[in-house]
Each structure stands twice: as C-alpha cells, then as structure tokens.
C-alpha cells in the first residue's frame, strides 16, 4: 500500500504538468479517460473555477505485483535448548551488571551526601569556634578597657584627694599665719 501511495504521488506530479500542457492545447474538457497506469486510472472531472479536478481510481493489487514487491523472510533456524539457556544466562548477567551499577551509583551518592554533611558540620563547628573566640576576645578587650577606665578614675580621684590635701594644708597654714 505504501508503494501505491508513493506511485500515486509521483503520477500526480506528472499529471499536473501534463494537464497544464494539455489545457493549453485543448481548452475544452474531456470526459474520457485521461491516463491509465499500471495501478490507477485518472479521469478528469468538470473544470472548476480554481483549476482542473481529477478522479483517481486505484486498482486492487494483483497477485503478480505482490509477488514482485514482497521480500522473502529470512529462513527460521531451529533454536536449541542450549541457545535459550545461553541467552537467559546472558540476560541474567546483564541484569546483575545493571543492578550492581545502580547499587554502586547509590553508594557513591550516599558517600557524597555523607561527605557534604560532614563538611557542613565541620564548617558549622569552625564557625562556632571562631564566633566564640571572637566573642571571648571582645569580652577580654571590654574587661581591659573597663579596668583601664576604673584605674584612670581611681588615679584622678587620688590626684584630687592629694590636691585637696595640699589645699587643706595650705588653708591651715594660712589660718595659722593669719591667726
């Protein structure tokens, strides 16, 4: 049937060119058979405004043409029990190989996931240690600053106290001198 359809397409291409040439020489329509080929007949139909129309009649395939076009199937060989066993063993081996490959891929994927998790935990621990060290350093700096501030205040207070003592002594000396 596929060969018939191909032949039909080729003949229609030829007919369109042939009908164009014929319509130039014979403008009137002919109701007789326009062409007859080995597997189809072509008859013109009344001319339409858009161009010509044809009726294509396909002939049923003849037994002679089927014999020419059909290809003989390769001879079937006898399959022994040993061949079947060999094929089954090969199929089982392929299945095992495929299963082993899938299991290997899954194991690699799990190993990769485990490595990623370990790396994430390690990075988290490192971050925690760094943050703790940074916080400790900051607290130490704050403590040192506070102690320095308190020492400075104490120094100023002692300086004031010394100055006040000097002023009191001077005042007492003046009072003694004026008295």
Protein backbone atom coordinates (compact mmCIF):
# COMPACT_ATOMS: atom_id res chain seq x y z
CA UNK A 1 0.00 0.00 0.00
CA UNK A 2 2.91 2.34 0.75
CA UNK A 3 4.34 1.76 -2.70
CA UNK A 4 0.94 2.50 -4.20
CA UNK A 5 0.73 5.79 -2.32
CA UNK A 6 4.24 6.74 -3.46
CA UNK A 7 3.43 5.85 -7.03
CA UNK A 8 0.22 7.86 -6.75
CA UNK A 9 2.13 10.96 -5.59
CA UNK A 10 4.65 10.65 -8.41
CA UNK A 11 1.94 10.20 -11.02
CA UNK A 12 0.01 13.19 -9.68
CA UNK A 13 3.11 15.34 -10.12
CA UNK A 14 3.45 14.14 -13.68
CA UNK A 15 -0.28 14.66 -14.30
CA UNK A 16 -0.26 18.25 -13.06
CA UNK A 17 2.45 19.16 -15.59
CA UNK A 18 0.76 17.07 -18.30
CA UNK A 19 -2.66 18.62 -17.61
CA UNK A 20 -1.19 22.11 -17.74
CA UNK A 21 0.33 21.44 -21.14
CA UNK A 22 -2.82 19.74 -22.43
CA UNK A 23 -5.10 22.52 -21.17
CA UNK A 24 -3.10 24.98 -23.27
CA UNK A 25 -3.75 22.98 -26.45
CA UNK A 26 -7.23 21.65 -25.62
CA UNK A 27 -9.20 24.17 -23.53
CA UNK A 28 -12.41 22.09 -23.60
CA UNK A 29 -12.84 19.36 -21.03
CA UNK A 30 -12.73 15.71 -21.97
CA UNK A 31 -14.83 13.20 -20.06
CA UNK A 32 -12.90 10.31 -21.39
CA UNK A 33 -10.07 8.57 -19.56
CA UNK A 34 -7.07 10.92 -19.28
CA UNK A 35 -4.49 8.36 -18.29
CA UNK A 36 -4.20 4.74 -17.29
CA UNK A 37 -1.28 3.44 -15.33
CA UNK A 38 -0.41 0.02 -14.00
CA UNK A 39 -2.19 0.51 -10.65
CA UNK A 40 -4.54 3.51 -11.19
CA UNK A 41 -6.81 5.29 -13.66
CA UNK A 42 -7.13 9.06 -13.91
CA UNK A 43 -10.34 10.68 -15.23
CA UNK A 44 -10.89 14.43 -15.47
CA UNK A 45 -13.89 15.98 -13.71
CA UNK A 46 -15.64 19.16 -14.95
CA UNK A 47 -13.33 22.13 -14.80
CA UNK A 48 -13.67 24.25 -11.66
CA UNK A 49 -13.11 27.98 -11.26
CA UNK A 50 -9.95 27.27 -9.29
CA UNK A 51 -8.44 24.89 -11.85
CA UNK A 52 -8.87 21.34 -13.00
CA UNK A 53 -10.01 18.37 -10.96
CA UNK A 54 -9.26 14.71 -11.50
CA UNK A 55 -10.72 11.48 -10.25
CA UNK A 56 -8.08 8.90 -9.39
CA UNK A 57 -9.23 5.29 -9.28
CA UNK A 58 -6.84 2.87 -7.65
CA UNK A 59 -6.88 -0.70 -8.91
CA UNK A 60 -6.77 -3.56 -6.42
CA UNK A 61 -3.30 -5.05 -6.08
CA UNK A 62 -2.74 -8.03 -8.33
CA UNK A 63 -1.15 -11.21 -7.01
CA UNK A 64 1.65 -10.86 -9.56
CA UNK A 65 2.63 -7.39 -8.32
CA UNK A 66 2.58 -8.60 -4.70
CA UNK A 67 4.96 -11.39 -5.52
CA UNK A 68 7.34 -8.93 -7.17
CA UNK A 69 7.30 -6.43 -4.31
CA UNK A 70 7.32 -8.78 -1.33
CA UNK A 71 10.63 -9.82 0.13
CA UNK A 72 11.13 -13.33 1.37
CA UNK A 73 11.55 -13.58 5.13
CA UNK A 74 14.86 -14.97 6.33
CA UNK A 75 14.75 -18.68 6.99
CA UNK A 76 13.98 -19.53 10.59
CA UNK A 77 16.64 -21.52 12.27
CA UNK A 78 15.94 -24.03 14.95
CA UNK A 79 16.70 -22.71 18.42
CA UNK A 80 18.16 -25.30 20.70
CA UNK A 81 17.72 -25.57 24.44
CA UNK A 82 21.38 -24.68 24.86
CA UNK A 83 20.92 -21.42 22.88
CA UNK A 84 17.95 -20.50 25.04
CA UNK A 85 19.95 -21.23 28.20
CA UNK A 86 22.86 -19.11 26.92
CA UNK A 87 20.52 -16.21 26.14
CA UNK A 88 18.87 -16.48 29.56
CA UNK A 89 22.27 -16.54 31.29
CA UNK A 90 23.41 -13.52 29.27
CA UNK A 91 20.21 -11.67 30.18
CA UNK A 92 20.68 -12.56 33.86
CA UNK A 93 24.29 -11.36 33.72
CA UNK A 94 23.16 -8.06 32.13
CA UNK A 95 20.52 -7.67 34.84
CA UNK A 96 23.09 -8.32 37.59
CA UNK A 97 25.54 -5.91 35.98
CA UNK A 98 22.87 -3.22 35.73
CA UNK A 99 21.82 -3.83 39.34
CA UNK A 100 25.45 -3.64 40.51
CA UNK A 101 25.90 -0.41 38.56
CA UNK A 102 22.79 1.10 40.16
CA UNK A 103 23.91 0.00 43.64
CA UNK A 104 27.39 1.44 43.03
CA UNK A 105 25.86 4.74 41.91
CA UNK A 106 23.63 4.83 45.00
CA UNK A 107 26.59 4.06 47.28
CA UNK A 108 28.62 6.85 45.66
CA UNK A 109 25.70 9.24 46.05
CA UNK A 110 25.30 8.34 49.73
CA UNK A 111 29.04 8.72 50.29
CA UNK A 112 28.93 12.13 48.64
CA UNK A 113 25.95 13.14 50.79
CA UNK A 114 27.80 11.94 53.92
CA UNK A 115 30.90 13.94 52.92
CA UNK A 116 28.78 17.03 52.31
CA UNK A 117 27.11 16.62 55.71
CA UNK A 118 30.47 16.14 57.44
CA UNK A 119 31.85 19.22 55.71
CA UNK A 120 28.78 21.24 56.72
CA UNK A 121 29.09 20.08 60.34
CA UNK A 122 32.83 20.88 60.31
CA UNK A 123 32.20 24.34 58.87
CA UNK A 124 29.47 24.93 61.44
CA UNK A 125 31.83 23.87 64.26
CA UNK A 126 34.60 26.08 62.87
CA UNK A 127 32.18 28.99 62.64
CA UNK A 128 31.03 28.37 66.21
CA UNK A 129 34.65 28.22 67.45
CA UNK A 130 35.55 31.38 65.55
CA UNK A 131 32.47 33.19 66.87
CA UNK A 132 33.25 32.05 70.43
CA UNK A 133 36.89 33.12 70.13
CA UNK A 134 35.83 36.47 68.69
CA UNK A 135 33.33 36.96 71.49
CA UNK A 136 35.92 35.99 74.10
CA UNK A 137 38.43 38.44 72.60
CA UNK A 138 35.79 41.16 72.59
CA UNK A 139 34.87 40.45 76.21
CA UNK A 140 38.57 40.48 77.19
CA UNK A 141 39.02 43.81 75.42
CA UNK A 142 35.94 45.23 77.17
CA UNK A 143 37.27 43.98 80.52
CA UNK A 144 40.69 45.52 79.87
CA UNK A 145 39.07 48.80 78.78
CA UNK A 146 36.91 48.84 81.92
CA UNK A 147 39.83 48.11 84.18
CA UNK A 148 41.84 50.86 82.48
CA UNK A 149 38.88 53.24 82.82
CA UNK A 150 38.45 52.37 86.51
CA UNK A 151 42.21 52.74 87.07
CA UNK A 152 42.09 56.15 85.36
CA UNK A 153 39.14 57.24 87.53
CA UNK A 154 40.90 56.00 90.66
CA UNK A 155 44.05 57.86 89.63
CA UNK A 156 42.04 61.05 89.09
CA UNK A 157 40.31 60.61 92.44
CA UNK A 158 43.62 60.06 94.17
CA UNK A 159 45.02 63.10 92.36
CA UNK A 160 42.00 65.13 93.52
CA UNK A 161 42.44 63.80 97.03
CA UNK A 162 46.12 64.77 97.02
CA UNK A 163 45.28 68.17 95.64
CA UNK A 164 42.54 68.58 98.26
CA UNK A 165 45.04 67.59 100.94
CA UNK A 166 47.50 70.15 99.62
CA UNK A 167 44.76 72.79 99.59
CA UNK A 168 43.73 71.90 103.18
CA UNK A 169 47.29 72.13 104.39
CA UNK A 170 47.72 75.46 102.66
CA UNK A 171 44.48 76.68 104.20
CA UNK A 172 45.53 75.52 107.65
CA UNK A 173 48.89 77.20 107.17
CA UNK A 174 47.19 80.43 106.14
CA UNK A 175 44.84 80.24 109.08
CA UNK A 176 47.76 79.66 111.40
CA UNK A 177 49.62 82.54 109.86
CA UNK A 178 46.65 84.87 109.98
CA UNK A 179 45.64 83.79 113.39
